[in-house]
Amino acid sequence: VLTVGQASLTVTANNQIRPYGATNPVLTASFTGFVNGENPSVLSGVPVLSTTAATNSPVGQYVITVTNGTLSSPNYTFTGFSNGVLTVAQALLTVSANNQFRLYGETNPVLTASFSGFVNNETTNVLSGAPALSTTATTNSPVGPYAITITNGTLSATNYAFAFSNGLLTVAQASLTVTANNQFRLYGATNPIFTATVNGFVNGENSSVLSGTPSLTTSATTNSPVGPYPIVPTNG
């Protein structure tokens, strides 16, 4: 009598990887030991694959356990079950420098950042340290946009990696007040030369940084009767 016994198959849980906060991928298995050019189509049932890793499990490696489950075959026996590993990798947080605005001559505002990409209802309380934020703009930097550069600084988190997005500091024009100087003349005289005072300069500057002149007008003429007349300044 020649007895043909079942060939032996090894069932191996396939290694998997996912980010922190994501659901587990579908757990799968591979088979080794088929003969006669056969493949898993000759098997019925499926192995049972499980892991202790949950959505909120921290970064690390977790065993994927494989057992027989309902797996069967007339020509094969399952003599080897090899566990796999599910790797939970860091989720990705985007750290963005917040855009800022200030006037020419002012000091820079406090530079701040925003975070997006938290999972499991987490917030910044899972982070330690802080990103480094900087800009080349100084008090006397001229009007224009300036990059706010953001880097890792001391920022760290067990379950998150970081991507960084720069922001923009806009330096806008400071505001000057142009005031027509009060004047006096006698009835019948021609109007004096009108002048103006400019207030609001910053950085120790004065009217030398201006070009052109304001327009100063009044309705008073040589034959205007005694009384006050507005001197109206416009941009000119």
Foldseek 3Di string as FASTA:
>chain_A
DDDQAAWEKAKEWDEAEDEAQDADDDIDIAIDGDPPPDGCVQKDDGWDWDWPDGNHDAFDKIKIFTDCGVIDHRRYDYDHYHIYIYGHAAWEKEKEWEEEEDEAQDADDDIDIDIDGDHPPDDCVQKDDDWDWDWPDGNHDDFDKIKIDIDCGVIDGRRYDYDYHIYIYGHHYWDKDKAWDDDDDDQQDADDDIDIAIDDDHPPDGCVVDDDGWDWDWPDGNHDDDDDIDTDTDRD
